[in-house]
C-alpha atoms as a PDB file:
ATOM      1  CA  MET A   1       0.000   0.000   0.000  1.00  0.00           C
ATOM      2  CA  SER A   2       1.460   3.356  -0.964  1.00  0.00           C
ATOM      3  CA  ALA A   3       1.610   6.370   1.291  1.00  0.00           C
ATOM      4  CA  PRO A   4      -0.949   9.109   0.635  1.00  0.00           C
ATOM      5  CA  ALA A   5       0.322  11.956  -1.494  1.00  0.00           C
ATOM      6  CA  LEU A   6       1.200  15.065   0.397  1.00  0.00           C
ATOM      7  CA  THR A   7      -0.637  18.104  -0.869  1.00  0.00           C
ATOM      8  CA  SER A   8      -0.258  21.634   0.199  1.00  0.00           C
ATOM      9  CA  HIS A   9      -3.075  23.275   2.023  1.00  0.00           C
ATOM     10  CA  PRO A  10      -5.261  25.409  -0.289  1.00  0.00           C
ATOM     11  CA  SER A  11      -4.545  28.530   1.771  1.00  0.00           C
ATOM     12  CA  ALA A  12      -0.867  28.245   0.812  1.00  0.00           C
ATOM     13  CA  ASN A  13      -1.823  29.058  -2.774  1.00  0.00           C
ATOM     14  CA  VAL A  14      -3.709  32.155  -1.668  1.00  0.00           C
ATOM     15  CA  TRP A  15      -0.411  33.962  -0.967  1.00  0.00           C
ATOM     16  CA  ARG A  16       0.617  33.319  -4.556  1.00  0.00           C
ATOM     17  CA  GLN A  17      -2.246  35.516  -5.773  1.00  0.00           C
ATOM     18  CA  VAL A  18      -2.230  38.346  -3.187  1.00  0.00           C
ATOM     19  CA  PRO A  19       0.582  40.450  -4.738  1.00  0.00           C
ATOM     20  CA  ASN A  20      -1.000  40.208  -8.200  1.00  0.00           C
ATOM     21  CA  VAL A  21      -4.441  41.093  -6.838  1.00  0.00           C
ATOM     22  CA  LEU A  22      -2.942  44.132  -5.107  1.00  0.00           C
ATOM     23  CA  THR A  23      -1.244  45.189  -8.350  1.00  0.00           C
ATOM     24  CA  MET A  24      -4.509  44.885 -10.304  1.00  0.00           C
ATOM     25  CA  PHE A  25      -6.338  46.737  -7.527  1.00  0.00           C
ATOM     26  CA  ARG A  26      -3.815  49.575  -7.825  1.00  0.00           C
ATOM     27  CA  ILE A  27      -4.372  49.735 -11.572  1.00  0.00           C
ATOM     28  CA  ALA A  28      -8.162  49.777 -11.036  1.00  0.00           C
ATOM     29  CA  LEU A  29      -7.825  52.699  -8.593  1.00  0.00           C
ATOM     30  CA  VAL A  30      -6.110  54.957 -11.148  1.00  0.00           C
ATOM     31  CA  PRO A  31      -9.206  56.055 -13.137  1.00  0.00           C
ATOM     32  CA  ILE A  32     -11.126  56.611  -9.902  1.00  0.00           C
ATOM     33  CA  LEU A  33      -8.239  58.706  -8.570  1.00  0.00           C
ATOM     34  CA  VAL A  34      -8.045  60.765 -11.771  1.00  0.00           C
ATOM     35  CA  TYR A  35     -11.800  61.383 -11.568  1.00  0.00           C
ATOM     36  CA  ALA A  36     -11.520  62.434  -7.901  1.00  0.00           C
ATOM     37  CA  ILE A  37      -8.730  64.893  -8.759  1.00  0.00           C
ATOM     38  CA  ALA A  38     -10.747  66.322 -11.656  1.00  0.00           C
ATOM     39  CA  GLU A  39     -13.823  66.761  -9.450  1.00  0.00           C
ATOM     40  CA  ASP A  40     -11.966  68.590  -6.677  1.00  0.00           C
ATOM     41  CA  PRO A  41      -8.598  69.893  -7.916  1.00  0.00           C
ATOM     42  CA  GLN A  42      -7.962  71.952  -4.771  1.00  0.00           C
ATOM     43  CA  GLY A  43      -7.452  68.897  -2.621  1.00  0.00           C
ATOM     44  CA  SER A  44      -9.949  66.259  -1.626  1.00  0.00           C
ATOM     45  CA  ALA A  45      -9.933  63.680   1.113  1.00  0.00           C
ATOM     46  CA  LEU A  46     -11.123  61.118  -1.422  1.00  0.00           C
ATOM     47  CA  ALA A  47      -8.214  61.770  -3.816  1.00  0.00           C
ATOM     48  CA  VAL A  48      -5.665  61.699  -0.982  1.00  0.00           C
ATOM     49  CA  SER A  49      -7.165  58.492   0.416  1.00  0.00           C
ATOM     50  CA  LEU A  50      -7.216  56.761  -2.956  1.00  0.00           C
ATOM     51  CA  PHE A  51      -3.637  57.766  -3.672  1.00  0.00           C
ATOM     52  CA  VAL A  52      -2.377  56.633  -0.254  1.00  0.00           C
ATOM     53  CA  VAL A  53      -4.204  53.299  -0.510  1.00  0.00           C
ATOM     54  CA  ALA A  54      -2.733  52.743  -3.984  1.00  0.00           C
ATOM     55  CA  ALA A  55       0.774  53.660  -2.779  1.00  0.00           C
ATOM     56  CA  VAL A  56       0.471  51.306   0.209  1.00  0.00           C
ATOM     57  CA  THR A  57      -0.522  48.443  -2.099  1.00  0.00           C
ATOM     58  CA  ASP A  58       2.724  49.040  -3.986  1.00  0.00           C
ATOM     59  CA  VAL A  59       4.734  48.480  -0.816  1.00  0.00           C
ATOM     60  CA  ALA A  60       2.550  45.575   0.328  1.00  0.00           C
ATOM     61  CA  ASP A  61       2.593  43.585  -2.908  1.00  0.00           C
ATOM     62  CA  GLY A  62       6.372  43.654  -3.104  1.00  0.00           C
ATOM     63  CA  GLN A  63       6.863  42.699   0.530  1.00  0.00           C
ATOM     64  CA  ILE A  64       4.358  39.854   0.354  1.00  0.00           C
ATOM     65  CA  ALA A  65       5.854  38.504  -2.885  1.00  0.00           C
ATOM     66  CA  ARG A  66       9.373  38.481  -1.432  1.00  0.00           C
ATOM     67  CA  ARG A  67       8.468  37.198   2.049  1.00  0.00           C
ATOM     68  CA  GLN A  68       6.227  34.429   0.756  1.00  0.00           C
ATOM     69  CA  SER A  69       8.598  33.628  -2.150  1.00  0.00           C
ATOM     70  CA  VAL A  70       5.811  34.115  -4.679  1.00  0.00           C
ATOM     71  CA  VAL A  71       7.492  36.539  -7.054  1.00  0.00           C
ATOM     72  CA  SER A  72       5.782  36.057 -10.422  1.00  0.00           C
ATOM     73  CA  THR A  73       6.377  37.046 -14.023  1.00  0.00           C
ATOM     74  CA  PHE A  74       3.029  38.837 -13.940  1.00  0.00           C
ATOM     75  CA  GLY A  75       4.167  40.853 -10.929  1.00  0.00           C
ATOM     76  CA  LYS A  76       7.528  41.682 -12.473  1.00  0.00           C
ATOM     77  CA  LEU A  77       5.782  43.001 -15.576  1.00  0.00           C
ATOM     78  CA  PHE A  78       2.702  44.681 -14.154  1.00  0.00           C
ATOM     79  CA  ASP A  79       3.944  46.129 -10.844  1.00  0.00           C
ATOM     80  CA  PRO A  80       6.075  48.772 -12.627  1.00  0.00           C
ATOM     81  CA  VAL A  81       3.189  49.421 -15.044  1.00  0.00           C
ATOM     82  CA  ALA A  82       0.854  49.992 -12.098  1.00  0.00           C
ATOM     83  CA  ASP A  83       3.370  52.410 -10.543  1.00  0.00           C
ATOM     84  CA  LYS A  84       3.694  54.379 -13.770  1.00  0.00           C
ATOM     85  CA  LEU A  85      -0.083  54.522 -14.255  1.00  0.00           C
ATOM     86  CA  LEU A  86      -0.565  55.732 -10.691  1.00  0.00           C
ATOM     87  CA  VAL A  87       2.097  58.446 -10.814  1.00  0.00           C
ATOM     88  CA  GLY A  88       1.371  59.390 -14.424  1.00  0.00           C
ATOM     89  CA  GLY A  89      -2.389  59.527 -13.938  1.00  0.00           C
ATOM     90  CA  ALA A  90      -2.106  61.728 -10.859  1.00  0.00           C
ATOM     91  CA  LEU A  91       0.498  64.011 -12.480  1.00  0.00           C
ATOM     92  CA  ILE A  92      -1.490  64.486 -15.669  1.00  0.00           C
ATOM     93  CA  ALA A  93      -4.717  65.166 -13.760  1.00  0.00           C
ATOM     94  CA  LEU A  94      -2.933  67.722 -11.579  1.00  0.00           C
ATOM     95  CA  MET A  95      -1.289  69.313 -14.621  1.00  0.00           C
ATOM     96  CA  LEU A  96      -4.648  69.644 -16.378  1.00  0.00           C
ATOM     97  CA  ASN A  97      -5.884  71.483 -13.280  1.00  0.00           C
ATOM     98  CA  ASP A  98      -2.850  73.809 -13.361  1.00  0.00           C
ATOM     99  CA  GLN A  99      -1.407  72.412 -10.140  1.00  0.00           C
ATOM    100  CA  VAL A 100       1.774  70.994 -11.654  1.00  0.00           C
ATOM    101  CA  ALA A 101       3.892  72.667 -14.311  1.00  0.00           C
ATOM    102  CA  GLU A 102       4.008  70.892 -17.658  1.00  0.00           C
ATOM    103  CA  TRP A 103       7.812  70.719 -17.626  1.00  0.00           C
ATOM    104  CA  ILE A 104       7.699  68.713 -14.372  1.00  0.00           C
ATOM    105  CA  VAL A 105       5.299  66.199 -15.888  1.00  0.00           C
ATOM    106  CA  VAL A 106       7.445  65.938 -19.030  1.00  0.00           C
ATOM    107  CA  VAL A 107      10.621  65.329 -16.999  1.00  0.00           C
ATOM    108  CA  ILE A 108       9.075  62.728 -14.707  1.00  0.00           C
ATOM    109  CA  LEU A 109       7.130  60.858 -17.387  1.00  0.00           C
ATOM    110  CA  GLY A 110      10.042  61.199 -19.828  1.00  0.00           C
ATOM    111  CA  ARG A 111      12.346  59.522 -17.336  1.00  0.00           C
ATOM    112  CA  GLU A 112       9.803  56.752 -16.789  1.00  0.00           C
ATOM    113  CA  ALA A 113       9.476  56.156 -20.535  1.00  0.00           C
ATOM    114  CA  ALA A 114      13.253  56.208 -21.066  1.00  0.00           C
ATOM    115  CA  VAL A 115      13.974  53.770 -18.229  1.00  0.00           C
ATOM    116  CA  THR A 116      11.151  51.488 -19.382  1.00  0.00           C
ATOM    117  CA  ALA A 117      12.642  51.417 -22.883  1.00  0.00           C
ATOM    118  CA  LEU A 118      16.134  50.762 -21.490  1.00  0.00           C
ATOM    119  CA  ARG A 119      14.802  48.036 -19.193  1.00  0.00           C
ATOM    120  CA  TRP A 120      13.060  46.373 -22.140  1.00  0.00           C
ATOM    121  CA  GLN A 121      16.227  46.477 -24.270  1.00  0.00           C
ATOM    122  CA  ALA A 122      18.311  45.173 -21.368  1.00  0.00           C
ATOM    123  CA  LYS A 123      15.915  42.299 -20.785  1.00  0.00           C
ATOM    124  CA  ARG A 124      16.108  41.368 -24.486  1.00  0.00           C
ATOM    125  CA  ALA A 125      19.905  41.247 -24.082  1.00  0.00           C
ATOM    126  CA  GLY A 126      19.570  39.081 -20.961  1.00  0.00           C
ATOM    127  CA  ILE A 127      20.608  41.859 -18.606  1.00  0.00           C
ATOM    128  CA  ILE A 128      18.609  42.403 -15.444  1.00  0.00           C
ATOM    129  CA  ILE A 129      19.092  45.659 -13.569  1.00  0.00           C
ATOM    130  CA  PRO A 130      17.627  45.419 -10.079  1.00  0.00           C
ATOM    131  CA  ALA A 131      15.951  48.385  -8.450  1.00  0.00           C
ATOM    132  CA  SER A 132      18.553  50.721  -7.005  1.00  0.00           C
ATOM    133  CA  LEU A 133      18.468  52.921  -3.941  1.00  0.00           C
ATOM    134  CA  TRP A 134      17.910  55.936  -6.218  1.00  0.00           C
ATOM    135  CA  GLY A 135      14.926  54.241  -7.831  1.00  0.00           C
ATOM    136  CA  LYS A 136      13.385  53.606  -4.436  1.00  0.00           C
ATOM    137  CA  VAL A 137      14.103  57.166  -3.265  1.00  0.00           C
ATOM    138  CA  LYS A 138      12.515  58.447  -6.472  1.00  0.00           C
ATOM    139  CA  MET A 139       9.322  56.455  -5.912  1.00  0.00           C
ATOM    140  CA  VAL A 140       9.041  57.476  -2.257  1.00  0.00           C
ATOM    141  CA  LEU A 141       9.526  61.149  -3.155  1.00  0.00           C
ATOM    142  CA  GLN A 142       7.062  60.920  -6.048  1.00  0.00           C
ATOM    143  CA  CYS A 143       4.431  59.423  -3.742  1.00  0.00           C
ATOM    144  CA  ALA A 144       5.135  61.954  -0.979  1.00  0.00           C
ATOM    145  CA  ALA A 145       5.002  64.904  -3.384  1.00  0.00           C
ATOM    146  CA  LEU A 146       1.801  63.737  -5.045  1.00  0.00           C
ATOM    147  CA  ALA A 147       0.112  63.010  -1.714  1.00  0.00           C
ATOM    148  CA  ALA A 148       1.123  66.486  -0.514  1.00  0.00           C
ATOM    149  CA  LEU A 149      -0.148  68.100  -3.724  1.00  0.00           C
ATOM    150  CA  LEU A 150      -3.459  66.323  -3.282  1.00  0.00           C
ATOM    151  CA  ALA A 151      -3.768  67.136   0.431  1.00  0.00           C
ATOM    152  CA  VAL A 152      -2.383  70.668   0.732  1.00  0.00           C
ATOM    153  CA  PRO A 153      -1.822  72.025  -2.773  1.00  0.00           C
ATOM    154  CA  THR A 154      -1.299  75.638  -1.739  1.00  0.00           C
ATOM    155  CA  GLU A 155       1.440  75.099   0.847  1.00  0.00           C
ATOM    156  CA  GLY A 156       4.779  76.574  -0.289  1.00  0.00           C
ATOM    157  CA  TRP A 157       6.864  73.662   0.960  1.00  0.00           C
ATOM    158  CA  VAL A 158       5.041  71.335  -1.451  1.00  0.00           C
ATOM    159  CA  ASP A 159       6.752  73.095  -4.374  1.00  0.00           C
ATOM    160  CA  TRP A 160      10.163  72.384  -2.845  1.00  0.00           C
ATOM    161  CA  LEU A 161       9.228  68.754  -2.303  1.00  0.00           C
ATOM    162  CA  LEU A 162       8.186  68.563  -5.942  1.00  0.00           C
ATOM    163  CA  TYR A 163      11.513  70.075  -7.115  1.00  0.00           C
ATOM    164  CA  LEU A 164      13.400  67.593  -4.930  1.00  0.00           C
ATOM    165  CA  THR A 165      11.324  64.829  -6.515  1.00  0.00           C
ATOM    166  CA  VAL A 166      12.249  66.016 -10.015  1.00  0.00           C
ATOM    167  CA  ALA A 167      15.938  66.029  -9.058  1.00  0.00           C
ATOM    168  CA  ALA A 168      15.748  62.498  -7.607  1.00  0.00           C
ATOM    169  CA  THR A 169      13.839  61.350 -10.702  1.00  0.00           C
ATOM    170  CA  VAL A 170      16.572  62.639 -13.022  1.00  0.00           C
ATOM    171  CA  ILE A 171      19.373  61.224 -10.841  1.00  0.00           C
ATOM    172  CA  SER A 172      17.672  57.819 -10.689  1.00  0.00           C
ATOM    173  CA  GLY A 173      17.348  57.781 -14.483  1.00  0.00           C
ATOM    174  CA  ILE A 174      21.037  58.575 -14.911  1.00  0.00           C
ATOM    175  CA  ASP A 175      21.901  55.965 -12.274  1.00  0.00           C
ATOM    176  CA  TYR A 176      19.864  53.350 -14.137  1.00  0.00           C
ATOM    177  CA  ALA A 177      21.554  54.175 -17.464  1.00  0.00           C
ATOM    178  CA  LEU A 178      25.022  54.000 -15.876  1.00  0.00           C
ATOM    179  CA  ASN A 179      24.224  50.666 -14.185  1.00  0.00           C
ATOM    180  CA  LEU A 180      23.000  49.288 -17.493  1.00  0.00           C
ATOM    181  CA  ARG A 181      26.140  50.466 -19.261  1.00  0.00           C
ATOM    182  CA  ARG A 182      28.377  48.855 -16.608  1.00  0.00           C
ATOM    183  CA  ARG A 183      26.552  45.539 -16.894  1.00  0.00           C
ATOM    184  CA  ALA A 184      26.332  45.601 -20.681  1.00  0.00           C
ATOM    185  CA  ASP A 185      29.959  46.546 -21.244  1.00  0.00           C
ATOM    186  CA  PRO A 186      32.086  45.327 -18.300  1.00  0.00           C
ATOM    187  CA  VAL A 187      35.665  46.520 -18.527  1.00  0.00           C
END
């Protein structure tokens, strides 16, 4: 008589899906956030709450995926897309309401597009560039600046936080390009 097959408990598979569900939830929040910003461009509790919830899901999905060892191809592809949709959607909505200068949106979204293109080319060449400290600083500052713009758009310090965010965004883009060059062409 053979021993019964060992199967994992069904709840173990639940963790496999949580990061991806959080990523899709974040993507689903973007149009609602953009609508909330458009409805009350001078700062609304709804827009701030939606943005903060979306930003927290970004942190949570990554931590859960790493801690539970359930990093997935879907997550690797769609987590950065969700981040770009969240930041880009909020920035564009704020720009259309004259709360963010166009040049700031162009710099931030231009960096995102450039790094995405570089990341895609690197992946095709078999080169993986992990997230750097500058990339993480950039995302934290982008989230902090956008949350501040949504909560207290007329405070003077918010402008300085936004300028600091632009600087970190540019530095992180340069850092990514230099890391890619080092890995692609080791000397």
